[in-house]
Amino acid sequence: MYQATRLKPLFHPGTLLVSHAALAALRTNSVPIISVVLRHIAGDWGIVSEDDKRQNDVSIATGLRLISIYRLPDQTRILVITEWDRSNTTIERLDDVVPGRDSRLSQPATRRYPVWPSSHYVQEDRA
């Protein structure tokens, strides 16, 4: 017998912004955007550290930024960030925000979190 699991949203994600690269990765892996969003708003933080999971749990109550990372079947990592004021949730490929370390390079990524130029995102259509 099939039993459905009901996910209870813990917060409102606001406006959904998805980078073209993240959208392409999700499509390539046959992962619907809604499944990533539902996991995030239900408190399934994905593969973030235990400290980040605890911080997210506290952030729901205190109104801070929420961060999730999910690994797709092809090993692409998807970053989901909901802003502190819940005005928007952004979905990006993690490697576009924090590039993987090249053993020949000693410098870390130049930015920790994205500065979101609107031309790089697809905004959800409002029905």
N, C-alpha and C. Protein backbone atom coordinates (compact mmCIF):
# COMPACT_ATOMS: atom_id res chain seq x y z
N MET A 1 0.84 -1.18 0.00
CA MET A 1 0.00 0.00 0.00
C MET A 1 0.88 1.24 0.00
N TYR A 2 0.53 2.19 -0.84
CA TYR A 2 1.27 3.44 -0.94
C TYR A 2 0.87 4.38 0.20
N GLN A 3 1.88 4.92 0.88
CA GLN A 3 1.60 5.88 1.95
C GLN A 3 2.32 7.18 1.64
N ALA A 4 1.56 8.24 1.51
CA ALA A 4 2.13 9.54 1.21
C ALA A 4 2.67 10.18 2.48
N THR A 5 3.78 10.87 2.34
CA THR A 5 4.35 11.63 3.44
C THR A 5 4.03 13.09 3.22
N ARG A 6 3.45 13.72 4.20
CA ARG A 6 3.10 15.13 4.10
C ARG A 6 4.23 15.95 4.71
N LEU A 7 4.76 16.85 3.91
CA LEU A 7 5.81 17.73 4.37
C LEU A 7 5.19 19.02 4.89
N LYS A 8 5.56 19.41 6.07
CA LYS A 8 5.04 20.64 6.64
C LYS A 8 6.07 21.75 6.42
N PRO A 9 5.68 22.81 5.69
CA PRO A 9 6.63 23.90 5.47
C PRO A 9 6.94 24.62 6.78
N LEU A 10 8.23 24.90 6.97
CA LEU A 10 8.66 25.59 8.19
C LEU A 10 8.75 27.10 8.00
N PHE A 11 8.74 27.55 6.74
CA PHE A 11 8.85 28.98 6.45
C PHE A 11 8.38 29.21 5.02
N HIS A 12 8.09 30.47 4.69
CA HIS A 12 7.71 30.85 3.33
C HIS A 12 8.99 31.21 2.58
N PRO A 13 9.20 30.64 1.39
CA PRO A 13 10.46 30.87 0.67
C PRO A 13 10.55 32.20 -0.06
N GLY A 14 9.46 32.94 -0.17
CA GLY A 14 9.49 34.21 -0.91
C GLY A 14 9.58 33.95 -2.40
N THR A 15 10.12 34.91 -3.13
CA THR A 15 10.28 34.80 -4.58
C THR A 15 11.37 33.79 -4.88
N LEU A 16 11.10 32.92 -5.83
CA LEU A 16 12.06 31.89 -6.21
C LEU A 16 12.90 32.36 -7.39
N LEU A 17 14.23 32.35 -7.21
CA LEU A 17 15.17 32.72 -8.27
C LEU A 17 16.06 31.51 -8.53
N VAL A 18 16.20 31.14 -9.80
CA VAL A 18 16.98 29.97 -10.16
C VAL A 18 17.97 30.36 -11.25
N SER A 19 19.27 30.09 -11.03
CA SER A 19 20.25 30.40 -12.06
C SER A 19 20.04 29.47 -13.25
N HIS A 20 20.43 29.94 -14.42
CA HIS A 20 20.30 29.12 -15.62
C HIS A 20 21.10 27.84 -15.49
N ALA A 21 22.29 27.93 -14.89
CA ALA A 21 23.14 26.74 -14.72
C ALA A 21 22.49 25.72 -13.79
N ALA A 22 21.88 26.19 -12.70
CA ALA A 22 21.21 25.28 -11.77
C ALA A 22 20.00 24.64 -12.44
N LEU A 23 19.25 25.43 -13.19
CA LEU A 23 18.09 24.91 -13.90
C LEU A 23 18.51 23.83 -14.90
N ALA A 24 19.59 24.07 -15.62
CA ALA A 24 20.09 23.08 -16.58
C ALA A 24 20.53 21.80 -15.86
N ALA A 25 21.22 21.94 -14.73
CA ALA A 25 21.68 20.77 -13.97
C ALA A 25 20.50 19.96 -13.44
N LEU A 26 19.49 20.65 -12.93
CA LEU A 26 18.30 19.96 -12.43
C LEU A 26 17.60 19.22 -13.57
N ARG A 27 17.47 19.86 -14.70
CA ARG A 27 16.82 19.22 -15.85
C ARG A 27 17.63 18.02 -16.34
N THR A 28 18.93 18.16 -16.43
CA THR A 28 19.80 17.06 -16.87
C THR A 28 19.63 15.84 -15.96
N ASN A 29 19.42 16.09 -14.68
CA ASN A 29 19.28 15.01 -13.70
C ASN A 29 17.82 14.62 -13.45
N SER A 30 16.91 15.18 -14.23
CA SER A 30 15.47 14.91 -14.09
C SER A 30 14.96 15.14 -12.67
N VAL A 31 15.46 16.22 -12.06
CA VAL A 31 15.04 16.60 -10.70
C VAL A 31 14.19 17.87 -10.82
N PRO A 32 12.90 17.78 -10.48
CA PRO A 32 12.05 18.98 -10.56
C PRO A 32 12.47 20.02 -9.52
N ILE A 33 12.41 21.28 -9.90
CA ILE A 33 12.75 22.37 -8.98
C ILE A 33 11.91 22.27 -7.71
N ILE A 34 10.65 21.94 -7.87
CA ILE A 34 9.75 21.89 -6.70
C ILE A 34 10.24 20.89 -5.66
N SER A 35 10.87 19.80 -6.08
CA SER A 35 11.35 18.83 -5.10
C SER A 35 12.47 19.41 -4.25
N VAL A 36 13.32 20.22 -4.85
CA VAL A 36 14.40 20.88 -4.10
C VAL A 36 13.80 21.90 -3.14
N VAL A 37 12.85 22.69 -3.62
CA VAL A 37 12.21 23.72 -2.79
C VAL A 37 11.47 23.06 -1.62
N LEU A 38 10.73 21.99 -1.90
CA LEU A 38 9.98 21.32 -0.83
C LEU A 38 10.91 20.75 0.25
N ARG A 39 12.02 20.15 -0.16
CA ARG A 39 12.98 19.64 0.83
C ARG A 39 13.48 20.79 1.70
N HIS A 40 13.83 21.90 1.06
CA HIS A 40 14.39 23.05 1.77
C HIS A 40 13.39 23.63 2.77
N ILE A 41 12.15 23.89 2.35
CA ILE A 41 11.19 24.51 3.27
C ILE A 41 10.67 23.55 4.32
N ALA A 42 10.92 22.25 4.13
CA ALA A 42 10.52 21.26 5.15
C ALA A 42 11.63 21.01 6.16
N GLY A 43 12.80 21.65 5.98
CA GLY A 43 13.89 21.50 6.94
C GLY A 43 14.83 20.35 6.65
N ASP A 44 14.78 19.80 5.44
CA ASP A 44 15.78 18.81 5.02
C ASP A 44 16.90 19.62 4.38
N TRP A 45 17.96 19.84 5.13
CA TRP A 45 19.02 20.75 4.71
C TRP A 45 20.04 20.10 3.79
N GLY A 46 19.85 18.82 3.46
CA GLY A 46 20.75 18.16 2.52
C GLY A 46 22.09 17.81 3.14
N ILE A 47 23.16 18.13 2.42
CA ILE A 47 24.51 17.70 2.82
C ILE A 47 25.32 18.78 3.51
N VAL A 48 24.67 19.77 4.10
CA VAL A 48 25.43 20.77 4.87
C VAL A 48 25.97 20.11 6.14
N SER A 49 26.92 20.75 6.78
CA SER A 49 27.52 20.21 8.00
C SER A 49 26.49 20.15 9.14
N GLU A 50 26.81 19.37 10.15
CA GLU A 50 25.92 19.29 11.32
C GLU A 50 25.78 20.66 11.98
N ASP A 51 26.86 21.43 12.03
CA ASP A 51 26.79 22.79 12.59
C ASP A 51 25.84 23.67 11.78
N ASP A 52 25.91 23.56 10.45
CA ASP A 52 25.02 24.35 9.60
C ASP A 52 23.57 23.90 9.75
N LYS A 53 23.35 22.61 9.93
CA LYS A 53 21.98 22.12 10.17
C LYS A 53 21.42 22.71 11.45
N ARG A 54 22.24 22.70 12.51
CA ARG A 54 21.78 23.29 13.79
C ARG A 54 21.53 24.79 13.62
N GLN A 55 22.42 25.46 12.90
CA GLN A 55 22.24 26.90 12.67
C GLN A 55 20.95 27.17 11.91
N ASN A 56 20.66 26.36 10.90
CA ASN A 56 19.41 26.53 10.15
C ASN A 56 18.20 26.34 11.06
N ASP A 57 18.26 25.34 11.93
CA ASP A 57 17.14 25.11 12.85
C ASP A 57 16.91 26.32 13.75
N VAL A 58 17.99 26.92 14.22
CA VAL A 58 17.89 28.13 15.04
C VAL A 58 17.41 29.30 14.19
N SER A 59 17.88 29.37 12.95
CA SER A 59 17.55 30.48 12.06
C SER A 59 16.07 30.56 11.72
N ILE A 60 15.39 29.43 11.72
CA ILE A 60 13.95 29.45 11.45
C ILE A 60 13.25 30.30 12.52
N ALA A 61 13.62 30.09 13.77
CA ALA A 61 12.98 30.82 14.87
C ALA A 61 13.46 32.25 14.99
N THR A 62 14.72 32.50 14.64
CA THR A 62 15.30 33.83 14.87
C THR A 62 15.33 34.71 13.63
N GLY A 63 14.95 34.17 12.47
CA GLY A 63 14.89 34.98 11.26
C GLY A 63 16.23 35.27 10.63
N LEU A 64 17.08 34.25 10.53
CA LEU A 64 18.37 34.40 9.85
C LEU A 64 18.33 33.65 8.53
N ARG A 65 19.38 33.81 7.73
CA ARG A 65 19.50 33.15 6.43
C ARG A 65 19.50 31.63 6.59
N LEU A 66 18.88 30.94 5.64
CA LEU A 66 18.81 29.48 5.64
C LEU A 66 19.55 28.95 4.42
N ILE A 67 20.38 27.91 4.63
CA ILE A 67 21.20 27.38 3.55
C ILE A 67 21.07 25.86 3.49
N SER A 68 20.81 25.35 2.29
CA SER A 68 20.78 23.91 2.05
C SER A 68 21.69 23.60 0.86
N ILE A 69 22.23 22.39 0.84
CA ILE A 69 23.00 21.91 -0.31
C ILE A 69 22.52 20.50 -0.61
N TYR A 70 22.22 20.24 -1.88
CA TYR A 70 21.76 18.92 -2.30
C TYR A 70 22.65 18.41 -3.41
N ARG A 71 22.97 17.12 -3.37
CA ARG A 71 23.79 16.49 -4.41
C ARG A 71 22.86 15.80 -5.40
N LEU A 72 23.03 16.12 -6.67
CA LEU A 72 22.23 15.51 -7.73
C LEU A 72 22.85 14.17 -8.13
N PRO A 73 22.12 13.35 -8.88
CA PRO A 73 22.67 12.05 -9.28
C PRO A 73 24.02 12.12 -10.00
N ASP A 74 24.28 13.19 -10.77
CA ASP A 74 25.57 13.31 -11.46
C ASP A 74 26.64 13.97 -10.59
N GLN A 75 26.36 14.12 -9.30
CA GLN A 75 27.26 14.68 -8.29
C GLN A 75 27.33 16.20 -8.29
N THR A 76 26.57 16.88 -9.14
CA THR A 76 26.47 18.34 -9.09
C THR A 76 25.84 18.71 -7.75
N ARG A 77 26.39 19.73 -7.09
CA ARG A 77 25.83 20.20 -5.83
C ARG A 77 25.02 21.46 -6.08
N ILE A 78 23.78 21.44 -5.56
CA ILE A 78 22.86 22.57 -5.71
C ILE A 78 22.76 23.31 -4.38
N LEU A 79 22.98 24.61 -4.41
CA LEU A 79 22.91 25.47 -3.23
C LEU A 79 21.57 26.19 -3.21
N VAL A 80 20.88 26.14 -2.07
CA VAL A 80 19.61 26.84 -1.91
C VAL A 80 19.75 27.78 -0.72
N ILE A 81 19.49 29.05 -0.93
CA ILE A 81 19.60 30.05 0.13
C ILE A 81 18.30 30.84 0.21
N THR A 82 17.73 30.88 1.41
CA THR A 82 16.58 31.75 1.68
C THR A 82 17.08 32.90 2.54
N GLU A 83 16.80 34.11 2.11
CA GLU A 83 17.28 35.29 2.83
C GLU A 83 16.62 35.42 4.19
N TRP A 84 17.26 36.15 5.08
CA TRP A 84 16.82 36.31 6.47
C TRP A 84 15.39 36.82 6.57
N ASP A 85 15.00 37.71 5.63
CA ASP A 85 13.65 38.29 5.69
C ASP A 85 12.63 37.47 4.91
N ARG A 86 13.07 36.32 4.37
CA ARG A 86 12.22 35.39 3.62
C ARG A 86 11.65 36.03 2.36
N SER A 87 12.36 37.06 1.85
CA SER A 87 11.90 37.75 0.64
C SER A 87 12.16 36.93 -0.62
N ASN A 88 13.24 36.13 -0.63
CA ASN A 88 13.50 35.30 -1.78
C ASN A 88 14.35 34.09 -1.42
N THR A 89 14.25 33.10 -2.28
CA THR A 89 15.06 31.89 -2.18
C THR A 89 15.76 31.74 -3.52
N THR A 90 17.07 31.55 -3.47
CA THR A 90 17.89 31.44 -4.67
C THR A 90 18.45 30.03 -4.78
N ILE A 91 18.40 29.48 -5.98
CA ILE A 91 18.94 28.15 -6.25
C ILE A 91 20.05 28.30 -7.28
N GLU A 92 21.25 27.79 -6.93
CA GLU A 92 22.42 27.88 -7.81
C GLU A 92 23.23 26.60 -7.75
N ARG A 93 24.11 26.42 -8.70
CA ARG A 93 25.10 25.35 -8.60
C ARG A 93 26.15 25.83 -7.61
N LEU A 94 26.50 24.99 -6.65
CA LEU A 94 27.48 25.40 -5.64
C LEU A 94 28.82 25.77 -6.27
N ASP A 95 29.24 25.05 -7.29
CA ASP A 95 30.53 25.34 -7.92
C ASP A 95 30.57 26.69 -8.61
N ASP A 96 29.40 27.27 -8.91
CA ASP A 96 29.37 28.62 -9.49
C ASP A 96 29.54 29.69 -8.42
N VAL A 97 29.30 29.32 -7.18
CA VAL A 97 29.40 30.26 -6.06
C VAL A 97 30.72 30.10 -5.33
N VAL A 98 31.08 28.86 -5.04
CA VAL A 98 32.33 28.53 -4.36
C VAL A 98 33.02 27.50 -5.22
N PRO A 99 33.85 27.94 -6.17
CA PRO A 99 34.49 27.01 -7.09
C PRO A 99 35.29 25.94 -6.34
N GLY A 100 35.32 24.74 -6.92
CA GLY A 100 36.09 23.64 -6.33
C GLY A 100 37.56 24.01 -6.27
N ARG A 101 38.21 23.47 -5.29
CA ARG A 101 39.63 23.75 -5.12
C ARG A 101 40.45 23.06 -6.20
N ASP A 102 41.31 23.80 -6.83
CA ASP A 102 42.28 23.24 -7.76
C ASP A 102 43.56 23.10 -6.97
N SER A 103 44.17 21.93 -7.00
CA SER A 103 45.37 21.69 -6.19
C SER A 103 46.50 22.65 -6.55
N ARG A 104 46.46 23.24 -7.76
CA ARG A 104 47.51 24.18 -8.15
C ARG A 104 47.26 25.57 -7.59
N LEU A 105 46.07 25.82 -7.09
CA LEU A 105 45.72 27.14 -6.58
C LEU A 105 45.70 27.13 -5.06
N SER A 106 46.18 28.18 -4.46
CA SER A 106 46.18 28.23 -3.01
C SER A 106 45.16 29.23 -2.48
N GLN A 107 44.57 30.04 -3.36
CA GLN A 107 43.63 31.04 -2.89
C GLN A 107 42.21 30.48 -2.87
N PRO A 108 41.44 30.82 -1.82
CA PRO A 108 40.04 30.39 -1.78
C PRO A 108 39.20 31.21 -2.76
N ALA A 109 37.95 30.83 -2.92
CA ALA A 109 37.03 31.58 -3.77
C ALA A 109 36.99 33.03 -3.32
N THR A 110 36.77 33.93 -4.25
CA THR A 110 36.79 35.36 -3.93
C THR A 110 35.53 35.81 -3.22
N ARG A 111 34.48 35.02 -3.25
CA ARG A 111 33.26 35.39 -2.55
C ARG A 111 32.66 34.16 -1.90
N ARG A 112 32.10 34.33 -0.73
CA ARG A 112 31.53 33.20 -0.02
C ARG A 112 30.12 32.89 -0.49
N TYR A 113 29.33 33.92 -0.69
CA TYR A 113 27.97 33.75 -1.16
C TYR A 113 27.77 34.63 -2.37
N PRO A 114 26.83 34.30 -3.21
CA PRO A 114 26.70 35.01 -4.48
C PRO A 114 26.19 36.44 -4.33
N VAL A 115 26.67 37.26 -5.22
CA VAL A 115 26.04 38.56 -5.45
C VAL A 115 25.17 38.28 -6.65
N TRP A 116 23.87 38.46 -6.54
CA TRP A 116 22.94 37.95 -7.52
C TRP A 116 22.58 38.96 -8.60
N PRO A 117 23.28 38.93 -9.73
CA PRO A 117 22.86 39.79 -10.84
C PRO A 117 21.60 39.19 -11.46
N SER A 118 20.58 39.99 -11.59
CA SER A 118 19.28 39.48 -12.02
C SER A 118 19.31 38.85 -13.41
N SER A 119 20.24 39.23 -14.26
CA SER A 119 20.28 38.67 -15.61
C SER A 119 20.67 37.19 -15.62
N HIS A 120 21.19 36.68 -14.51
CA HIS A 120 21.61 35.28 -14.44
C HIS A 120 20.56 34.37 -13.83
N TYR A 121 19.38 34.88 -13.57
CA TYR A 121 18.35 34.10 -12.90
C TYR A 121 17.05 34.10 -13.66
N VAL A 122 16.31 33.04 -13.46
CA VAL A 122 14.98 32.91 -14.03
C VAL A 122 14.02 33.09 -12.86
N GLN A 123 13.16 34.07 -12.93
CA GLN A 123 12.21 34.28 -11.86
C GLN A 123 10.94 33.51 -12.15
N GLU A 124 10.37 32.94 -11.09
CA GLU A 124 9.14 32.17 -11.26
C GLU A 124 8.05 33.05 -11.82
N ASP A 125 7.17 32.45 -12.62
CA ASP A 125 5.99 33.17 -13.11
C ASP A 125 4.93 33.13 -12.06
N ARG A 126 4.30 34.25 -11.82
CA ARG A 126 3.20 34.32 -10.85
C ARG A 126 1.91 34.04 -11.60
N ALA A 127 1.16 33.07 -11.09
CA ALA A 127 -0.10 32.73 -11.76
C ALA A 127 -1.21 33.65 -11.32
